[in-house]
Every structure is written in structure tokens, then in C-alpha cells.
Amino acid sequence: MADNTLHSSARANWLERRFALRSRGGTLRTECLAGITGFLAAAYLLVVIPGLLAIG
């Protein structure tokens, strides 16, 4: 269990060093939600826009 916590902590430290989340006022949760939201918006547009162009 302690090894798992150490590994998780090392990963969080790497993410913090790489992306400077705290200094920019963000968290890992916020960044993940933003990424998922952006992906879903792009996927939606890839489905909807061709349909709109086909109608018009």
C-alpha cells in the first residue's frame, strides 16, 4: 500500500513540474474535466456539422 501511495505521489509531482498546475490556479481534476469537455464538444461537432451541410 505504501508503495502505491509513493508511486501516486511521484506521478502527481511529475505532473506539477511538467504543467505547473498550482501556479496557474488549476488542479488535475479541473484539467481532466476540461480535456473531456473539449473532446466531447469536438466529437459532437464532427457528427452534427456534416449533417447540417448535407441538408443545406
PDB file of N, CA and C in Angstrom:
ATOM      1  N   MET A   1       0.821  -1.197   0.000  1.00  0.00           N
ATOM      2  CA  MET A   1       0.000   0.000   0.000  1.00  0.00           C
ATOM      3  C   MET A   1       0.865   1.260   0.000  1.00  0.00           C
ATOM      4  N   ALA A   2       1.905   1.274   0.811  1.00  0.00           N
ATOM      5  CA  ALA A   2       2.774   2.448   0.878  1.00  0.00           C
ATOM      6  C   ALA A   2       3.464   2.685  -0.455  1.00  0.00           C
ATOM      7  N   ASP A   3       3.828   1.603  -1.137  1.00  0.00           N
ATOM      8  CA  ASP A   3       4.473   1.728  -2.445  1.00  0.00           C
ATOM      9  C   ASP A   3       3.524   2.365  -3.449  1.00  0.00           C
ATOM     10  N   ASN A   4       2.249   2.022  -3.383  1.00  0.00           N
ATOM     11  CA  ASN A   4       1.239   2.587  -4.276  1.00  0.00           C
ATOM     12  C   ASN A   4       1.086   4.088  -4.025  1.00  0.00           C
ATOM     13  N   THR A   5       1.082   4.487  -2.769  1.00  0.00           N
ATOM     14  CA  THR A   5       0.966   5.899  -2.424  1.00  0.00           C
ATOM     15  C   THR A   5       2.191   6.671  -2.897  1.00  0.00           C
ATOM     16  N   LEU A   6       3.358   6.082  -2.750  1.00  0.00           N
ATOM     17  CA  LEU A   6       4.590   6.718  -3.197  1.00  0.00           C
ATOM     18  C   LEU A   6       4.572   6.906  -4.705  1.00  0.00           C
ATOM     19  N   HIS A   7       4.121   5.886  -5.430  1.00  0.00           N
ATOM     20  CA  HIS A   7       4.051   5.959  -6.891  1.00  0.00           C
ATOM     21  C   HIS A   7       3.056   7.037  -7.321  1.00  0.00           C
ATOM     22  N   SER A   8       1.922   7.098  -6.654  1.00  0.00           N
ATOM     23  CA  SER A   8       0.902   8.099  -6.958  1.00  0.00           C
ATOM     24  C   SER A   8       1.428   9.506  -6.670  1.00  0.00           C
ATOM     25  N   SER A   9       2.148   9.659  -5.569  1.00  0.00           N
ATOM     26  CA  SER A   9       2.711  10.957  -5.214  1.00  0.00           C
ATOM     27  C   SER A   9       3.777  11.389  -6.218  1.00  0.00           C
ATOM     28  N   ALA A  10       4.596  10.458  -6.666  1.00  0.00           N
ATOM     29  CA  ALA A  10       5.629  10.772  -7.657  1.00  0.00           C
ATOM     30  C   ALA A  10       4.996  11.216  -8.964  1.00  0.00           C
ATOM     31  N   ARG A  11       3.900  10.578  -9.346  1.00  0.00           N
ATOM     32  CA  ARG A  11       3.197  10.954 -10.581  1.00  0.00           C
ATOM     33  C   ARG A  11       2.616  12.356 -10.446  1.00  0.00           C
ATOM     34  N   ALA A  12       2.030  12.661  -9.298  1.00  0.00           N
ATOM     35  CA  ALA A  12       1.460  13.993  -9.078  1.00  0.00           C
ATOM     36  C   ALA A  12       2.557  15.052  -9.111  1.00  0.00           C
ATOM     37  N   ASN A  13       3.713  14.750  -8.518  1.00  0.00           N
ATOM     38  CA  ASN A  13       4.821  15.706  -8.546  1.00  0.00           C
ATOM     39  C   ASN A  13       5.314  15.926  -9.969  1.00  0.00           C
ATOM     40  N   TRP A  14       5.380  14.864 -10.758  1.00  0.00           N
ATOM     41  CA  TRP A  14       5.812  14.999 -12.152  1.00  0.00           C
ATOM     42  C   TRP A  14       4.832  15.878 -12.923  1.00  0.00           C
ATOM     43  N   LEU A  15       3.538  15.644 -12.737  1.00  0.00           N
ATOM     44  CA  LEU A  15       2.533  16.455 -13.420  1.00  0.00           C
ATOM     45  C   LEU A  15       2.635  17.918 -13.003  1.00  0.00           C
ATOM     46  N   GLU A  16       2.874  18.152 -11.720  1.00  0.00           N
ATOM     47  CA  GLU A  16       3.011  19.528 -11.231  1.00  0.00           C
ATOM     48  C   GLU A  16       4.227  20.203 -11.855  1.00  0.00           C
ATOM     49  N   ARG A  17       5.344  19.502 -11.906  1.00  0.00           N
ATOM     50  CA  ARG A  17       6.556  20.088 -12.508  1.00  0.00           C
ATOM     51  C   ARG A  17       6.363  20.323 -13.999  1.00  0.00           C
ATOM     52  N   ARG A  18       5.727  19.404 -14.671  1.00  0.00           N
ATOM     53  CA  ARG A  18       5.586  19.485 -16.130  1.00  0.00           C
ATOM     54  C   ARG A  18       4.627  20.601 -16.557  1.00  0.00           C
ATOM     55  N   PHE A  19       3.489  20.699 -15.879  1.00  0.00           N
ATOM     56  CA  PHE A  19       2.442  21.618 -16.321  1.00  0.00           C
ATOM     57  C   PHE A  19       2.215  22.808 -15.393  1.00  0.00           C
ATOM     58  N   ALA A  20       2.892  22.872 -14.264  1.00  0.00           N
ATOM     59  CA  ALA A  20       2.765  23.976 -13.293  1.00  0.00           C
ATOM     60  C   ALA A  20       1.301  24.285 -12.988  1.00  0.00           C
ATOM     61  N   LEU A  21       0.563  23.255 -12.622  1.00  0.00           N
ATOM     62  CA  LEU A  21      -0.874  23.413 -12.383  1.00  0.00           C
ATOM     63  C   LEU A  21      -1.169  24.374 -11.235  1.00  0.00           C
ATOM     64  N   ARG A  22      -0.499  24.201 -10.111  1.00  0.00           N
ATOM     65  CA  ARG A  22      -0.800  25.042  -8.938  1.00  0.00           C
ATOM     66  C   ARG A  22      -0.483  26.503  -9.187  1.00  0.00           C
ATOM     67  N   SER A  23       0.624  26.768  -9.851  1.00  0.00           N
ATOM     68  CA  SER A  23       0.995  28.166 -10.071  1.00  0.00           C
ATOM     69  C   SER A  23       0.042  28.855 -11.042  1.00  0.00           C
ATOM     70  N   ARG A  24      -0.669  28.068 -11.835  1.00  0.00           N
ATOM     71  CA  ARG A  24      -1.652  28.632 -12.767  1.00  0.00           C
ATOM     72  C   ARG A  24      -3.068  28.575 -12.219  1.00  0.00           C
ATOM     73  N   GLY A  25      -3.207  28.086 -10.987  1.00  0.00           N
ATOM     74  CA  GLY A  25      -4.509  28.065 -10.337  1.00  0.00           C
ATOM     75  C   GLY A  25      -5.390  26.899 -10.745  1.00  0.00           C
ATOM     76  N   GLY A  26      -4.801  25.822 -11.222  1.00  0.00           N
ATOM     77  CA  GLY A  26      -5.589  24.676 -11.652  1.00  0.00           C
ATOM     78  C   GLY A  26      -5.322  23.453 -10.803  1.00  0.00           C
ATOM     79  N   THR A  27      -6.129  22.433 -11.039  1.00  0.00           N
ATOM     80  CA  THR A  27      -5.933  21.146 -10.388  1.00  0.00           C
ATOM     81  C   THR A  27      -5.994  20.065 -11.453  1.00  0.00           C
ATOM     82  N   LEU A  28      -5.541  18.881 -11.098  1.00  0.00           N
ATOM     83  CA  LEU A  28      -5.583  17.769 -12.041  1.00  0.00           C
ATOM     84  C   LEU A  28      -7.029  17.459 -12.429  1.00  0.00           C
ATOM     85  N   ARG A  29      -7.936  17.528 -11.470  1.00  0.00           N
ATOM     86  CA  ARG A  29      -9.352  17.258 -11.746  1.00  0.00           C
ATOM     87  C   ARG A  29      -9.912  18.257 -12.762  1.00  0.00           C
ATOM     88  N   THR A  30      -9.613  19.533 -12.571  1.00  0.00           N
ATOM     89  CA  THR A  30     -10.093  20.574 -13.481  1.00  0.00           C
ATOM     90  C   THR A  30      -9.562  20.353 -14.887  1.00  0.00           C
ATOM     91  N   GLU A  31      -8.281  20.026 -14.992  1.00  0.00           N
ATOM     92  CA  GLU A  31      -7.674  19.816 -16.304  1.00  0.00           C
ATOM     93  C   GLU A  31      -8.266  18.600 -17.004  1.00  0.00           C
ATOM     94  N   CYS A  32      -8.525  17.528 -16.250  1.00  0.00           N
ATOM     95  CA  CYS A  32      -9.139  16.331 -16.841  1.00  0.00           C
ATOM     96  C   CYS A  32     -10.554  16.632 -17.325  1.00  0.00           C
ATOM     97  N   LEU A  33     -11.335  17.341 -16.523  1.00  0.00           N
ATOM     98  CA  LEU A  33     -12.689  17.703 -16.935  1.00  0.00           C
ATOM     99  C   LEU A  33     -12.677  18.599 -18.170  1.00  0.00           C
ATOM    100  N   ALA A  34     -11.735  19.517 -18.241  1.00  0.00           N
ATOM    101  CA  ALA A  34     -11.626  20.394 -19.406  1.00  0.00           C
ATOM    102  C   ALA A  34     -11.265  19.591 -20.653  1.00  0.00           C
ATOM    103  N   GLY A  35     -10.375  18.631 -20.510  1.00  0.00           N
ATOM    104  CA  GLY A  35      -9.999  17.790 -21.639  1.00  0.00           C
ATOM    105  C   GLY A  35     -11.156  16.946 -22.135  1.00  0.00           C
ATOM    106  N   ILE A  36     -11.899  16.358 -21.215  1.00  0.00           N
ATOM    107  CA  ILE A  36     -13.058  15.543 -21.593  1.00  0.00           C
ATOM    108  C   ILE A  36     -14.121  16.411 -22.256  1.00  0.00           C
ATOM    109  N   THR A  37     -14.361  17.593 -21.710  1.00  0.00           N
ATOM    110  CA  THR A  37     -15.342  18.513 -22.286  1.00  0.00           C
ATOM    111  C   THR A  37     -14.956  18.922 -23.698  1.00  0.00           C
ATOM    112  N   GLY A  38     -13.701  19.255 -23.897  1.00  0.00           N
ATOM    113  CA  GLY A  38     -13.228  19.626 -25.231  1.00  0.00           C
ATOM    114  C   GLY A  38     -13.353  18.488 -26.221  1.00  0.00           C
ATOM    115  N   PHE A  39     -13.025  17.273 -25.777  1.00  0.00           N
ATOM    116  CA  PHE A  39     -13.143  16.106 -26.646  1.00  0.00           C
ATOM    117  C   PHE A  39     -14.596  15.859 -27.037  1.00  0.00           C
ATOM    118  N   LEU A  40     -15.500  15.917 -26.076  1.00  0.00           N
ATOM    119  CA  LEU A  40     -16.913  15.677 -26.371  1.00  0.00           C
ATOM    120  C   LEU A  40     -17.484  16.751 -27.294  1.00  0.00           C
ATOM    121  N   ALA A  41     -17.066  17.993 -27.116  1.00  0.00           N
ATOM    122  CA  ALA A  41     -17.528  19.068 -27.999  1.00  0.00           C
ATOM    123  C   ALA A  41     -17.046  18.832 -29.421  1.00  0.00           C
ATOM    124  N   ALA A  42     -15.788  18.435 -29.583  1.00  0.00           N
ATOM    125  CA  ALA A  42     -15.250  18.171 -30.919  1.00  0.00           C
ATOM    126  C   ALA A  42     -15.945  16.972 -31.558  1.00  0.00           C
ATOM    127  N   ALA A  43     -16.195  15.927 -30.776  1.00  0.00           N
ATOM    128  CA  ALA A  43     -16.878  14.749 -31.306  1.00  0.00           C
ATOM    129  C   ALA A  43     -18.300  15.103 -31.750  1.00  0.00           C
ATOM    130  N   TYR A  44     -18.983  15.918 -30.966  1.00  0.00           N
ATOM    131  CA  TYR A  44     -20.331  16.358 -31.318  1.00  0.00           C
ATOM    132  C   TYR A  44     -20.317  17.136 -32.637  1.00  0.00           C
ATOM    133  N   LEU A  45     -19.367  18.046 -32.771  1.00  0.00           N
ATOM    134  CA  LEU A  45     -19.290  18.845 -33.996  1.00  0.00           C
ATOM    135  C   LEU A  45     -18.972  17.991 -35.211  1.00  0.00           C
ATOM    136  N   LEU A  46     -18.146  16.969 -35.039  1.00  0.00           N
ATOM    137  CA  LEU A  46     -17.831  16.076 -36.158  1.00  0.00           C
ATOM    138  C   LEU A  46     -19.060  15.312 -36.639  1.00  0.00           C
ATOM    139  N   VAL A  47     -20.021  15.113 -35.766  1.00  0.00           N
ATOM    140  CA  VAL A  47     -21.256  14.419 -36.144  1.00  0.00           C
ATOM    141  C   VAL A  47     -22.280  15.403 -36.701  1.00  0.00           C
ATOM    142  N   VAL A  48     -22.433  16.562 -36.097  1.00  0.00           N
ATOM    143  CA  VAL A  48     -23.507  17.490 -36.440  1.00  0.00           C
ATOM    144  C   VAL A  48     -23.225  18.291 -37.706  1.00  0.00           C
ATOM    145  N   ILE A  49     -22.033  18.819 -37.865  1.00  0.00           N
ATOM    146  CA  ILE A  49     -21.744  19.711 -38.994  1.00  0.00           C
ATOM    147  C   ILE A  49     -21.927  19.034 -40.351  1.00  0.00           C
ATOM    148  N   PRO A  50     -21.451  17.807 -40.563  1.00  0.00           N
ATOM    149  CA  PRO A  50     -21.712  17.182 -41.869  1.00  0.00           C
ATOM    150  C   PRO A  50     -23.209  17.028 -42.163  1.00  0.00           C
ATOM    151  N   GLY A  51     -23.990  16.754 -41.130  1.00  0.00           N
ATOM    152  CA  GLY A  51     -25.433  16.657 -41.319  1.00  0.00           C
ATOM    153  C   GLY A  51     -26.048  17.986 -41.716  1.00  0.00           C
ATOM    154  N   LEU A  52     -25.599  19.054 -41.105  1.00  0.00           N
ATOM    155  CA  LEU A  52     -26.104  20.382 -41.459  1.00  0.00           C
ATOM    156  C   LEU A  52     -25.709  20.768 -42.879  1.00  0.00           C
ATOM    157  N   LEU A  53     -24.504  20.432 -43.272  1.00  0.00           N
ATOM    158  CA  LEU A  53     -24.057  20.753 -44.621  1.00  0.00           C
ATOM    159  C   LEU A  53     -24.806  19.930 -45.670  1.00  0.00           C
ATOM    160  N   ALA A  54     -25.181  18.715 -45.327  1.00  0.00           N
ATOM    161  CA  ALA A  54     -25.911  17.863 -46.262  1.00  0.00           C
ATOM    162  C   ALA A  54     -27.333  18.379 -46.478  1.00  0.00           C
ATOM    163  N   ILE A  55     -27.935  18.959 -45.448  1.00  0.00           N
ATOM    164  CA  ILE A  55     -29.302  19.480 -45.555  1.00  0.00           C
ATOM    165  C   ILE A  55     -29.322  20.745 -46.403  1.00  0.00           C
ATOM    166  N   GLY A  56     -28.376  21.622 -46.167  1.00  0.00           N
ATOM    167  CA  GLY A  56     -28.376  22.938 -46.793  1.00  0.00           C
ATOM    168  C   GLY A  56     -27.756  22.878 -48.125  1.00  0.00           C
TER     169      GLY A  56
END
